[in-house]
Amino acid sequence: MGDKVQDQGSRRRAGIALALAVALALGVIVATKIMQDRAARQPVLLPTVEMPMDDSPQCAELVAALPDSLGRLQRAELAEPAPTGAALYRDFTDDRVTVRCGAPVPAQYTTLSRTVEAGDVTWLRVADDTPDLDLVTWFSVGTSPIVAVTGSSDHDDVLPEIAGRMGAGFGAGPEPGPLPLTDLAAPAADGRCEGLLAALPAAIAERDRLGEGDLPEGMTLPPATAAWANADGDAITLRCGVAEPAGYAAMADPANDGDRQLTQVGDIVWFTDAERSSGTTATYFALGRERIVAVHLPVAVSSGVLPELSATIAANLENTAPSEE
């Protein structure tokens, strides 16, 4: 009988020890979760970026209506000076999603764009082309004001939640713009340009060259024009035989600091047209050849694209500036 009592006591102590261990583990988990949530909610300094409609009533209402969490991400307080019309979500690993209301129409939104629907709102997906960087911005091009949501590519699941918080004050979005450079006059587009276009690559910067069958119904490329696009319709365009850019003539004025707009890549001198460029895209003109060539592309891929195009242009168009040979 003594052995039986001793066994019961041992089992009781073991049960108590197990219960204490479980309670301790749960306590550690809960405490860790609380600490992680607090860390995720620490004030975050978000850069102030000028937005055309961030101070609109619609943006104020949206920011106020956004939830405390998006999936596993917690809404963080924005450190001062906090940008208007913005919110940020993150977790303890600093995985984050930013929401900015009142954004400008993205330069990538063209007749080639392939949009997606989420939460009854049309969105344009624009991926950052920086190598090894998984960063995407979704623009609500179906609404006005436009809302920009930035995060890693697997955060597209937050779009319906954000769309559902947009109030009745949000109106219809803008129409897509034309394919870049197609509005340029090309008075010198001729057989020399045809030779250049025939020598251009079938793919560049993870974008495939578009043929007539790849274009939206009713759309055609102007003469002496080539375009490459990815799955989102984010395009690189090239136009041969264009006129000298208006901004190039102004470079003689030292006040314009024009020397900073010229870049030598291989055997080609490129002029950067600031009027046709934005923060994420740029337009370059290849000068000093028998035909002027314009190229519009994302800034992030320019360091890889311009050398390849420079070599092709140099091989197919004669140099008219012998001092550069």
C-alpha atoms as a PDB file:
ATOM      1  CA  MET A   1       0.000   0.000   0.000  1.00  0.00           C
ATOM      2  CA  GLY A   2       2.897   2.334   0.769  1.00  0.00           C
ATOM      3  CA  ASP A   3       4.253   1.743  -2.722  1.00  0.00           C
ATOM      4  CA  LYS A   4       0.828   2.623  -4.218  1.00  0.00           C
ATOM      5  CA  VAL A   5       0.662   5.901  -2.266  1.00  0.00           C
ATOM      6  CA  GLN A   6       4.207   6.690  -3.316  1.00  0.00           C
ATOM      7  CA  ASP A   7       3.346   6.027  -6.987  1.00  0.00           C
ATOM      8  CA  GLN A   8       0.293   8.264  -6.768  1.00  0.00           C
ATOM      9  CA  GLY A   9       2.408  11.002  -5.228  1.00  0.00           C
ATOM     10  CA  SER A  10       5.002  10.679  -7.974  1.00  0.00           C
ATOM     11  CA  ARG A  11       2.331  10.868 -10.681  1.00  0.00           C
ATOM     12  CA  ARG A  12       0.790  13.888  -8.965  1.00  0.00           C
ATOM     13  CA  ARG A  13       4.143  15.680  -8.836  1.00  0.00           C
ATOM     14  CA  ALA A  14       4.813  14.775 -12.470  1.00  0.00           C
ATOM     15  CA  GLY A  15       1.400  16.128 -13.469  1.00  0.00           C
ATOM     16  CA  ILE A  16       2.003  19.355 -11.577  1.00  0.00           C
ATOM     17  CA  ALA A  17       5.438  19.713 -13.152  1.00  0.00           C
ATOM     18  CA  LEU A  18       3.967  19.133 -16.627  1.00  0.00           C
ATOM     19  CA  ALA A  19       1.212  21.672 -16.009  1.00  0.00           C
ATOM     20  CA  LEU A  20       3.757  24.201 -14.809  1.00  0.00           C
ATOM     21  CA  ALA A  21       5.921  23.563 -17.875  1.00  0.00           C
ATOM     22  CA  VAL A  22       2.950  24.042 -20.209  1.00  0.00           C
ATOM     23  CA  ALA A  23       1.874  27.206 -18.399  1.00  0.00           C
ATOM     24  CA  LEU A  24       5.440  28.527 -18.547  1.00  0.00           C
ATOM     25  CA  ALA A  25       5.658  27.779 -22.272  1.00  0.00           C
ATOM     26  CA  LEU A  26       2.319  29.476 -22.901  1.00  0.00           C
ATOM     27  CA  GLY A  27       3.461  32.427 -20.836  1.00  0.00           C
ATOM     28  CA  VAL A  28       6.654  32.721 -22.871  1.00  0.00           C
ATOM     29  CA  ILE A  29       4.665  32.509 -26.128  1.00  0.00           C
ATOM     30  CA  VAL A  30       2.166  35.143 -25.002  1.00  0.00           C
ATOM     31  CA  ALA A  31       4.901  37.424 -23.672  1.00  0.00           C
ATOM     32  CA  THR A  32       6.873  37.038 -26.895  1.00  0.00           C
ATOM     33  CA  LYS A  33       3.776  37.805 -28.958  1.00  0.00           C
ATOM     34  CA  ILE A  34       3.101  40.910 -26.866  1.00  0.00           C
ATOM     35  CA  MET A  35       6.706  42.062 -27.261  1.00  0.00           C
ATOM     36  CA  GLN A  36       6.601  41.407 -31.013  1.00  0.00           C
ATOM     37  CA  ASP A  37       3.341  43.319 -31.386  1.00  0.00           C
ATOM     38  CA  ARG A  38       4.754  46.217 -29.378  1.00  0.00           C
ATOM     39  CA  ALA A  39       7.906  46.185 -31.522  1.00  0.00           C
ATOM     40  CA  ALA A  40       5.782  46.159 -34.676  1.00  0.00           C
ATOM     41  CA  ARG A  41       3.815  49.148 -33.407  1.00  0.00           C
ATOM     42  CA  GLN A  42       6.821  51.311 -32.569  1.00  0.00           C
ATOM     43  CA  PRO A  43       6.746  54.675 -34.382  1.00  0.00           C
ATOM     44  CA  VAL A  44       8.226  54.457 -37.870  1.00  0.00           C
ATOM     45  CA  LEU A  45       9.709  57.330 -39.857  1.00  0.00           C
ATOM     46  CA  LEU A  46       8.133  57.265 -43.307  1.00  0.00           C
ATOM     47  CA  PRO A  47       9.702  59.563 -45.931  1.00  0.00           C
ATOM     48  CA  THR A  48       7.545  62.467 -46.997  1.00  0.00           C
ATOM     49  CA  VAL A  49       6.789  62.201 -50.715  1.00  0.00           C
ATOM     50  CA  GLU A  50       4.760  64.839 -52.519  1.00  0.00           C
ATOM     51  CA  MET A  51       1.410  63.415 -53.585  1.00  0.00           C
ATOM     52  CA  PRO A  52      -1.075  65.408 -55.660  1.00  0.00           C
ATOM     53  CA  MET A  53      -4.202  64.430 -53.661  1.00  0.00           C
ATOM     54  CA  ASP A  54      -2.911  63.176 -50.307  1.00  0.00           C
ATOM     55  CA  ASP A  55      -4.726  65.972 -48.457  1.00  0.00           C
ATOM     56  CA  SER A  56      -8.091  65.208 -50.072  1.00  0.00           C
ATOM     57  CA  PRO A  57     -11.109  64.356 -47.893  1.00  0.00           C
ATOM     58  CA  GLN A  58     -11.248  60.892 -49.485  1.00  0.00           C
ATOM     59  CA  CYS A  59      -7.690  60.142 -48.349  1.00  0.00           C
ATOM     60  CA  ALA A  60      -8.363  61.398 -44.830  1.00  0.00           C
ATOM     61  CA  GLU A  61     -11.410  59.138 -44.599  1.00  0.00           C
ATOM     62  CA  LEU A  62      -9.505  56.142 -45.957  1.00  0.00           C
ATOM     63  CA  VAL A  63      -6.595  56.510 -43.524  1.00  0.00           C
ATOM     64  CA  ALA A  64      -9.052  56.806 -40.629  1.00  0.00           C
ATOM     65  CA  ALA A  65     -10.951  53.717 -41.813  1.00  0.00           C
ATOM     66  CA  LEU A  66      -7.946  51.445 -42.289  1.00  0.00           C
ATOM     67  CA  PRO A  67      -7.806  48.517 -39.821  1.00  0.00           C
ATOM     68  CA  ASP A  68      -5.362  47.935 -36.980  1.00  0.00           C
ATOM     69  CA  SER A  69      -3.885  44.939 -38.784  1.00  0.00           C
ATOM     70  CA  LEU A  70      -3.547  43.488 -42.262  1.00  0.00           C
ATOM     71  CA  GLY A  71      -3.030  39.755 -41.975  1.00  0.00           C
ATOM     72  CA  ARG A  72      -0.031  39.200 -39.710  1.00  0.00           C
ATOM     73  CA  LEU A  73       1.090  42.828 -39.995  1.00  0.00           C
ATOM     74  CA  GLN A  74       0.252  45.383 -37.311  1.00  0.00           C
ATOM     75  CA  ARG A  75      -0.455  49.024 -38.026  1.00  0.00           C
ATOM     76  CA  ALA A  76       2.428  51.150 -36.770  1.00  0.00           C
ATOM     77  CA  GLU A  77       2.393  54.712 -35.552  1.00  0.00           C
ATOM     78  CA  LEU A  78       4.090  57.133 -37.955  1.00  0.00           C
ATOM     79  CA  ALA A  79       6.849  59.247 -36.462  1.00  0.00           C
ATOM     80  CA  GLU A  80       6.730  62.990 -36.967  1.00  0.00           C
ATOM     81  CA  PRO A  81       6.784  64.581 -39.435  1.00  0.00           C
ATOM     82  CA  ALA A  82       4.208  62.045 -40.599  1.00  0.00           C
ATOM     83  CA  PRO A  83       3.230  62.253 -44.277  1.00  0.00           C
ATOM     84  CA  THR A  84      -0.384  63.036 -45.071  1.00  0.00           C
ATOM     85  CA  GLY A  85      -2.604  60.246 -46.388  1.00  0.00           C
ATOM     86  CA  ALA A  86      -0.261  57.434 -45.353  1.00  0.00           C
ATOM     87  CA  ALA A  87      -0.302  54.317 -43.176  1.00  0.00           C
ATOM     88  CA  LEU A  88       2.245  51.595 -42.512  1.00  0.00           C
ATOM     89  CA  TYR A  89       1.913  47.990 -41.383  1.00  0.00           C
ATOM     90  CA  ARG A  90       4.755  45.748 -40.255  1.00  0.00           C
ATOM     91  CA  ASP A  91       5.711  42.804 -38.061  1.00  0.00           C
ATOM     92  CA  PHE A  92       8.657  42.261 -35.729  1.00  0.00           C
ATOM     93  CA  THR A  93      10.835  41.146 -38.678  1.00  0.00           C
ATOM     94  CA  ASP A  94      10.120  44.531 -40.318  1.00  0.00           C
ATOM     95  CA  ASP A  95       8.201  42.925 -43.145  1.00  0.00           C
ATOM     96  CA  ARG A  96       6.006  45.839 -44.086  1.00  0.00           C
ATOM     97  CA  VAL A  97       3.256  47.222 -46.278  1.00  0.00           C
ATOM     98  CA  THR A  98       2.840  50.946 -46.849  1.00  0.00           C
ATOM     99  CA  VAL A  99      -0.360  52.607 -47.992  1.00  0.00           C
ATOM    100  CA  ARG A 100      -0.236  56.045 -49.589  1.00  0.00           C
ATOM    101  CA  CYS A 101      -3.382  57.757 -50.775  1.00  0.00           C
ATOM    102  CA  GLY A 102      -3.453  60.507 -53.394  1.00  0.00           C
ATOM    103  CA  ALA A 103      -0.635  59.112 -55.541  1.00  0.00           C
ATOM    104  CA  PRO A 104      -0.001  60.407 -59.078  1.00  0.00           C
ATOM    105  CA  VAL A 105      -0.956  58.348 -62.098  1.00  0.00           C
ATOM    106  CA  PRO A 106       1.994  55.952 -62.556  1.00  0.00           C
ATOM    107  CA  ALA A 107       4.011  56.474 -65.734  1.00  0.00           C
ATOM    108  CA  GLN A 108       3.750  52.717 -66.325  1.00  0.00           C
ATOM    109  CA  TYR A 109      -0.035  52.926 -66.767  1.00  0.00           C
ATOM    110  CA  THR A 110      -0.356  52.738 -70.551  1.00  0.00           C
ATOM    111  CA  THR A 111      -2.497  51.071 -73.177  1.00  0.00           C
ATOM    112  CA  LEU A 112      -0.218  48.033 -72.808  1.00  0.00           C
ATOM    113  CA  SER A 113      -0.815  47.645 -69.061  1.00  0.00           C
ATOM    114  CA  ARG A 114      -2.345  44.436 -67.746  1.00  0.00           C
ATOM    115  CA  THR A 115      -4.395  45.284 -64.673  1.00  0.00           C
ATOM    116  CA  VAL A 116      -5.890  43.054 -61.967  1.00  0.00           C
ATOM    117  CA  GLU A 117      -9.168  43.246 -60.061  1.00  0.00           C
ATOM    118  CA  ALA A 118      -9.197  43.031 -56.266  1.00  0.00           C
ATOM    119  CA  GLY A 119     -12.050  44.128 -54.020  1.00  0.00           C
ATOM    120  CA  ASP A 120     -13.990  45.472 -57.023  1.00  0.00           C
ATOM    121  CA  VAL A 121     -11.129  47.897 -57.729  1.00  0.00           C
ATOM    122  CA  THR A 122      -8.761  47.880 -60.721  1.00  0.00           C
ATOM    123  CA  TRP A 123      -5.095  47.767 -59.720  1.00  0.00           C
ATOM    124  CA  LEU A 124      -1.858  48.133 -61.694  1.00  0.00           C
ATOM    125  CA  ARG A 125       1.063  46.054 -60.461  1.00  0.00           C
ATOM    126  CA  VAL A 126       4.472  47.732 -60.853  1.00  0.00           C
ATOM    127  CA  ALA A 127       7.456  45.644 -59.779  1.00  0.00           C
ATOM    128  CA  ASP A 128      10.785  47.159 -58.789  1.00  0.00           C
ATOM    129  CA  ASP A 129      13.387  45.992 -61.313  1.00  0.00           C
ATOM    130  CA  THR A 130      16.282  46.200 -58.841  1.00  0.00           C
ATOM    131  CA  PRO A 131      18.017  42.780 -58.860  1.00  0.00           C
ATOM    132  CA  ASP A 132      17.263  40.524 -55.873  1.00  0.00           C
ATOM    133  CA  LEU A 133      14.673  42.960 -54.514  1.00  0.00           C
ATOM    134  CA  ASP A 134      11.135  41.673 -54.082  1.00  0.00           C
ATOM    135  CA  LEU A 135       9.196  44.922 -53.972  1.00  0.00           C
ATOM    136  CA  VAL A 136       5.917  45.684 -55.717  1.00  0.00           C
ATOM    137  CA  THR A 137       3.602  48.676 -55.732  1.00  0.00           C
ATOM    138  CA  TRP A 138      -0.054  48.221 -56.601  1.00  0.00           C
ATOM    139  CA  PHE A 139      -1.789  51.391 -57.826  1.00  0.00           C
ATOM    140  CA  SER A 140      -5.582  51.636 -57.683  1.00  0.00           C
ATOM    141  CA  VAL A 141      -5.825  53.048 -61.208  1.00  0.00           C
ATOM    142  CA  GLY A 142      -9.556  52.344 -61.149  1.00  0.00           C
ATOM    143  CA  THR A 143     -10.150  55.022 -58.513  1.00  0.00           C
ATOM    144  CA  SER A 144      -9.593  58.695 -57.904  1.00  0.00           C
ATOM    145  CA  PRO A 145      -7.730  59.470 -55.729  1.00  0.00           C
ATOM    146  CA  ILE A 146      -5.227  56.719 -56.543  1.00  0.00           C
ATOM    147  CA  VAL A 147      -4.000  54.583 -53.641  1.00  0.00           C
ATOM    148  CA  ALA A 148      -0.493  53.084 -53.793  1.00  0.00           C
ATOM    149  CA  VAL A 149       0.169  49.925 -51.764  1.00  0.00           C
ATOM    150  CA  THR A 150       3.810  48.829 -51.528  1.00  0.00           C
ATOM    151  CA  GLY A 151       5.199  45.583 -50.157  1.00  0.00           C
ATOM    152  CA  SER A 152       6.666  42.243 -51.150  1.00  0.00           C
ATOM    153  CA  SER A 153       4.891  40.415 -53.973  1.00  0.00           C
ATOM    154  CA  ASP A 154       3.082  38.021 -51.606  1.00  0.00           C
ATOM    155  CA  HIS A 155       1.139  40.879 -49.998  1.00  0.00           C
ATOM    156  CA  ASP A 156      -1.381  41.170 -52.821  1.00  0.00           C
ATOM    157  CA  ASP A 157      -3.867  39.565 -50.435  1.00  0.00           C
ATOM    158  CA  VAL A 158      -4.249  42.893 -48.585  1.00  0.00           C
ATOM    159  CA  LEU A 159      -5.712  44.669 -51.621  1.00  0.00           C
ATOM    160  CA  PRO A 160      -9.363  43.589 -51.109  1.00  0.00           C
ATOM    161  CA  GLU A 161      -9.267  44.781 -47.487  1.00  0.00           C
ATOM    162  CA  ILE A 162      -7.893  48.194 -48.480  1.00  0.00           C
ATOM    163  CA  ALA A 163     -10.315  48.473 -51.401  1.00  0.00           C
ATOM    164  CA  GLY A 164     -13.195  47.739 -49.047  1.00  0.00           C
ATOM    165  CA  ARG A 165     -12.218  50.723 -46.887  1.00  0.00           C
ATOM    166  CA  MET A 166     -12.441  53.206 -49.760  1.00  0.00           C
ATOM    167  CA  GLY A 167     -15.429  55.431 -49.205  1.00  0.00           C
ATOM    168  CA  ALA A 168     -18.162  56.512 -51.589  1.00  0.00           C
ATOM    169  CA  GLY A 169     -16.202  59.689 -52.313  1.00  0.00           C
ATOM    170  CA  PHE A 170     -13.721  57.768 -54.444  1.00  0.00           C
ATOM    171  CA  GLY A 171     -14.508  58.337 -58.116  1.00  0.00           C
ATOM    172  CA  ALA A 172     -13.570  56.660 -61.380  1.00  0.00           C
ATOM    173  CA  GLY A 173      -9.889  56.427 -62.192  1.00  0.00           C
ATOM    174  CA  PRO A 174      -7.931  57.902 -65.109  1.00  0.00           C
ATOM    175  CA  GLU A 175      -7.650  56.490 -68.595  1.00  0.00           C
ATOM    176  CA  PRO A 176      -4.351  54.761 -69.455  1.00  0.00           C
ATOM    177  CA  GLY A 177      -1.792  56.891 -71.249  1.00  0.00           C
ATOM    178  CA  PRO A 178      -0.338  56.179 -74.677  1.00  0.00           C
ATOM    179  CA  LEU A 179       2.689  53.944 -75.059  1.00  0.00           C
ATOM    180  CA  PRO A 180       5.709  56.185 -74.345  1.00  0.00           C
ATOM    181  CA  LEU A 181       7.410  57.774 -77.383  1.00  0.00           C
ATOM    182  CA  THR A 182       4.534  56.980 -79.753  1.00  0.00           C
ATOM    183  CA  ASP A 183       3.564  60.654 -79.622  1.00  0.00           C
ATOM    184  CA  LEU A 184       7.008  61.734 -80.870  1.00  0.00           C
ATOM    185  CA  ALA A 185       7.385  62.894 -84.442  1.00  0.00           C
ATOM    186  CA  ALA A 186       9.822  60.725 -86.381  1.00  0.00           C
ATOM    187  CA  PRO A 187      10.577  62.694 -89.571  1.00  0.00           C
ATOM    188  CA  ALA A 188      13.718  60.706 -90.329  1.00  0.00           C
ATOM    189  CA  ALA A 189      12.265  57.203 -89.932  1.00  0.00           C
ATOM    190  CA  ASP A 190      13.530  55.415 -93.042  1.00  0.00           C
ATOM    191  CA  GLY A 191      15.462  52.377 -94.229  1.00  0.00           C
ATOM    192  CA  ARG A 192      18.353  53.073 -91.868  1.00  0.00           C
ATOM    193  CA  CYS A 193      15.932  52.820 -88.966  1.00  0.00           C
ATOM    194  CA  GLU A 194      14.512  49.613 -90.410  1.00  0.00           C
ATOM    195  CA  GLY A 195      18.011  48.134 -90.339  1.00  0.00           C
ATOM    196  CA  LEU A 196      18.411  49.125 -86.702  1.00  0.00           C
ATOM    197  CA  LEU A 197      15.063  47.638 -85.730  1.00  0.00           C
ATOM    198  CA  ALA A 198      15.935  44.377 -87.473  1.00  0.00           C
ATOM    199  CA  ALA A 199      19.081  44.132 -85.329  1.00  0.00           C
ATOM    200  CA  LEU A 200      17.364  44.751 -81.986  1.00  0.00           C
ATOM    201  CA  PRO A 201      17.152  41.827 -79.527  1.00  0.00           C
ATOM    202  CA  ALA A 202      14.092  39.632 -79.056  1.00  0.00           C
ATOM    203  CA  ALA A 203      14.268  40.095 -75.289  1.00  0.00           C
ATOM    204  CA  ILE A 204      15.791  42.659 -72.984  1.00  0.00           C
ATOM    205  CA  ALA A 205      15.650  43.226 -69.210  1.00  0.00           C
ATOM    206  CA  GLU A 206      13.315  40.221 -68.779  1.00  0.00           C
ATOM    207  CA  ARG A 207      10.897  41.720 -71.285  1.00  0.00           C
ATOM    208  CA  ASP A 208       9.909  40.152 -74.601  1.00  0.00           C
ATOM    209  CA  ARG A 209       9.734  42.105 -77.813  1.00  0.00           C
ATOM    210  CA  LEU A 210       6.180  42.684 -78.945  1.00  0.00           C
ATOM    211  CA  GLY A 211       4.884  41.774 -82.372  1.00  0.00           C
ATOM    212  CA  GLU A 212       1.645  42.964 -83.902  1.00  0.00           C
ATOM    213  CA  GLY A 213      -0.149  39.918 -82.470  1.00  0.00           C
ATOM    214  CA  ASP A 214       0.920  40.833 -78.929  1.00  0.00           C
ATOM    215  CA  LEU A 215      -0.721  44.259 -78.954  1.00  0.00           C
ATOM    216  CA  PRO A 216      -4.215  45.071 -77.659  1.00  0.00           C
ATOM    217  CA  GLU A 217      -6.974  45.007 -80.235  1.00  0.00           C
ATOM    218  CA  GLY A 218      -6.896  48.065 -82.461  1.00  0.00           C
ATOM    219  CA  MET A 219      -3.383  49.107 -81.397  1.00  0.00           C
ATOM    220  CA  THR A 220      -0.423  49.307 -83.773  1.00  0.00           C
ATOM    221  CA  LEU A 221       3.130  50.513 -83.271  1.00  0.00           C
ATOM    222  CA  PRO A 222       4.161  53.614 -85.249  1.00  0.00           C
ATOM    223  CA  PRO A 223       6.871  53.211 -87.917  1.00  0.00           C
ATOM    224  CA  ALA A 224      10.429  52.681 -86.654  1.00  0.00           C
ATOM    225  CA  THR A 225       9.215  51.742 -83.159  1.00  0.00           C
ATOM    226  CA  ALA A 226      10.018  48.698 -81.035  1.00  0.00           C
ATOM    227  CA  ALA A 227       8.592  47.720 -77.663  1.00  0.00           C
ATOM    228  CA  TRP A 228       9.382  45.058 -75.071  1.00  0.00           C
ATOM    229  CA  ALA A 229       7.047  44.251 -72.169  1.00  0.00           C
ATOM    230  CA  ASN A 230       6.813  41.921 -69.180  1.00  0.00           C
ATOM    231  CA  ALA A 231       3.754  40.079 -67.866  1.00  0.00           C
ATOM    232  CA  ASP A 232       2.418  43.266 -66.255  1.00  0.00           C
ATOM    233  CA  GLY A 233       2.723  45.225 -69.504  1.00  0.00           C
ATOM    234  CA  ASP A 234       5.575  47.319 -68.066  1.00  0.00           C
ATOM    235  CA  ALA A 235       7.313  48.349 -71.274  1.00  0.00           C
ATOM    236  CA  ILE A 236      10.583  49.539 -72.731  1.00  0.00           C
ATOM    237  CA  THR A 237      10.065  51.471 -75.968  1.00  0.00           C
ATOM    238  CA  LEU A 238      12.457  52.625 -78.682  1.00  0.00           C
ATOM    239  CA  ARG A 239      11.793  55.041 -81.542  1.00  0.00           C
ATOM    240  CA  CYS A 240      14.241  55.707 -84.383  1.00  0.00           C
ATOM    241  CA  GLY A 241      14.404  58.790 -86.609  1.00  0.00           C
ATOM    242  CA  VAL A 242      12.997  61.260 -84.089  1.00  0.00           C
ATOM    243  CA  ALA A 243      13.750  64.972 -84.036  1.00  0.00           C
ATOM    244  CA  GLU A 244      16.349  66.490 -81.751  1.00  0.00           C
ATOM    245  CA  PRO A 245      14.813  66.940 -78.292  1.00  0.00           C
ATOM    246  CA  ALA A 246      13.898  70.514 -77.436  1.00  0.00           C
ATOM    247  CA  GLY A 247      15.755  70.335 -74.142  1.00  0.00           C
ATOM    248  CA  TYR A 248      19.051  69.536 -75.856  1.00  0.00           C
ATOM    249  CA  ALA A 249      19.310  72.975 -77.464  1.00  0.00           C
ATOM    250  CA  ALA A 250      19.029  74.630 -74.051  1.00  0.00           C
ATOM    251  CA  MET A 251      22.179  72.914 -72.818  1.00  0.00           C
ATOM    252  CA  ALA A 252      24.338  75.759 -74.102  1.00  0.00           C
ATOM    253  CA  ASP A 253      23.035  77.851 -71.215  1.00  0.00           C
ATOM    254  CA  PRO A 254      25.314  77.147 -68.188  1.00  0.00           C
ATOM    255  CA  ALA A 255      22.430  77.906 -65.842  1.00  0.00           C
ATOM    256  CA  ASN A 256      20.704  74.735 -67.026  1.00  0.00           C
ATOM    257  CA  ASP A 257      23.563  72.532 -65.834  1.00  0.00           C
ATOM    258  CA  GLY A 258      23.101  70.649 -69.088  1.00  0.00           C
ATOM    259  CA  ASP A 259      26.359  68.684 -68.848  1.00  0.00           C
ATOM    260  CA  ARG A 260      24.723  66.469 -66.235  1.00  0.00           C
ATOM    261  CA  GLN A 261      22.137  65.398 -68.815  1.00  0.00           C
ATOM    262  CA  LEU A 262      24.730  63.776 -71.109  1.00  0.00           C
ATOM    263  CA  THR A 263      25.970  60.239 -70.483  1.00  0.00           C
ATOM    264  CA  GLN A 264      28.521  58.312 -72.535  1.00  0.00           C
ATOM    265  CA  VAL A 265      27.705  54.608 -72.755  1.00  0.00           C
ATOM    266  CA  GLY A 266      30.069  52.696 -75.017  1.00  0.00           C
ATOM    267  CA  ASP A 267      30.245  54.589 -78.298  1.00  0.00           C
ATOM    268  CA  ILE A 268      26.962  56.428 -77.803  1.00  0.00           C
ATOM    269  CA  VAL A 269      26.258  59.749 -76.093  1.00  0.00           C
ATOM    270  CA  TRP A 270      22.818  59.763 -74.437  1.00  0.00           C
ATOM    271  CA  PHE A 271      20.832  62.877 -73.548  1.00  0.00           C
ATOM    272  CA  THR A 272      18.408  62.512 -70.609  1.00  0.00           C
ATOM    273  CA  ASP A 273      15.158  64.334 -71.286  1.00  0.00           C
ATOM    274  CA  ALA A 274      13.946  65.483 -67.883  1.00  0.00           C
ATOM    275  CA  GLU A 275      10.569  66.583 -69.247  1.00  0.00           C
ATOM    276  CA  ARG A 276       9.783  63.022 -70.361  1.00  0.00           C
ATOM    277  CA  SER A 277      11.142  61.345 -67.240  1.00  0.00           C
ATOM    278  CA  SER A 278       9.652  60.617 -63.827  1.00  0.00           C
ATOM    279  CA  GLY A 279      11.039  59.283 -60.586  1.00  0.00           C
ATOM    280  CA  THR A 280      10.931  55.666 -61.825  1.00  0.00           C
ATOM    281  CA  THR A 281      11.177  56.006 -65.612  1.00  0.00           C
ATOM    282  CA  ALA A 282      13.463  57.952 -67.929  1.00  0.00           C
ATOM    283  CA  THR A 283      13.678  58.936 -71.577  1.00  0.00           C
ATOM    284  CA  TYR A 284      17.067  58.995 -73.296  1.00  0.00           C
ATOM    285  CA  PHE A 285      18.066  60.209 -76.763  1.00  0.00           C
ATOM    286  CA  ALA A 286      21.057  58.646 -78.546  1.00  0.00           C
ATOM    287  CA  LEU A 287      22.900  61.488 -80.276  1.00  0.00           C
ATOM    288  CA  GLY A 288      25.785  61.774 -82.732  1.00  0.00           C
ATOM    289  CA  ARG A 289      24.487  59.144 -85.179  1.00  0.00           C
ATOM    290  CA  GLU A 290      22.904  59.489 -88.599  1.00  0.00           C
ATOM    291  CA  ARG A 291      19.517  59.006 -86.933  1.00  0.00           C
ATOM    292  CA  ILE A 292      18.454  60.103 -83.449  1.00  0.00           C
ATOM    293  CA  VAL A 293      17.083  57.237 -81.353  1.00  0.00           C
ATOM    294  CA  ALA A 294      14.821  57.714 -78.324  1.00  0.00           C
ATOM    295  CA  VAL A 295      14.441  55.096 -75.581  1.00  0.00           C
ATOM    296  CA  HIS A 296      11.994  55.096 -72.660  1.00  0.00           C
ATOM    297  CA  LEU A 297      12.590  52.603 -69.843  1.00  0.00           C
ATOM    298  CA  PRO A 298      12.473  52.044 -66.074  1.00  0.00           C
ATOM    299  CA  VAL A 299      15.420  53.716 -64.353  1.00  0.00           C
ATOM    300  CA  ALA A 300      16.259  50.515 -62.462  1.00  0.00           C
ATOM    301  CA  VAL A 301      17.150  48.638 -65.678  1.00  0.00           C
ATOM    302  CA  SER A 302      18.970  51.452 -67.494  1.00  0.00           C
ATOM    303  CA  SER A 303      22.442  50.302 -66.430  1.00  0.00           C
ATOM    304  CA  GLY A 304      21.861  46.960 -68.130  1.00  0.00           C
ATOM    305  CA  VAL A 305      19.771  48.079 -71.113  1.00  0.00           C
ATOM    306  CA  LEU A 306      21.691  51.131 -72.338  1.00  0.00           C
ATOM    307  CA  PRO A 307      24.999  49.287 -72.939  1.00  0.00           C
ATOM    308  CA  GLU A 308      23.210  46.640 -75.048  1.00  0.00           C
ATOM    309  CA  LEU A 309      21.274  49.205 -77.052  1.00  0.00           C
ATOM    310  CA  SER A 310      24.385  51.381 -77.425  1.00  0.00           C
ATOM    311  CA  ALA A 311      26.267  48.522 -79.044  1.00  0.00           C
ATOM    312  CA  THR A 312      23.395  47.807 -81.447  1.00  0.00           C
ATOM    313  CA  ILE A 313      22.973  51.475 -82.391  1.00  0.00           C
ATOM    314  CA  ALA A 314      26.716  51.944 -82.909  1.00  0.00           C
ATOM    315  CA  ALA A 315      26.840  48.872 -85.175  1.00  0.00           C
ATOM    316  CA  ASN A 316      23.908  49.949 -87.353  1.00  0.00           C
ATOM    317  CA  LEU A 317      23.943  53.752 -87.540  1.00  0.00           C
ATOM    318  CA  GLU A 318      26.953  55.732 -88.760  1.00  0.00           C
ATOM    319  CA  ASN A 319      28.698  58.173 -86.473  1.00  0.00           C
ATOM    320  CA  THR A 320      28.141  61.798 -87.498  1.00  0.00           C
ATOM    321  CA  ALA A 321      30.370  63.171 -84.719  1.00  0.00           C
ATOM    322  CA  PRO A 322      33.865  61.958 -85.723  1.00  0.00           C
ATOM    323  CA  SER A 323      35.440  63.511 -82.635  1.00  0.00           C
ATOM    324  CA  GLU A 324      33.642  60.863 -80.562  1.00  0.00           C
ATOM    325  CA  GLU A 325      35.162  57.911 -82.433  1.00  0.00           C
END
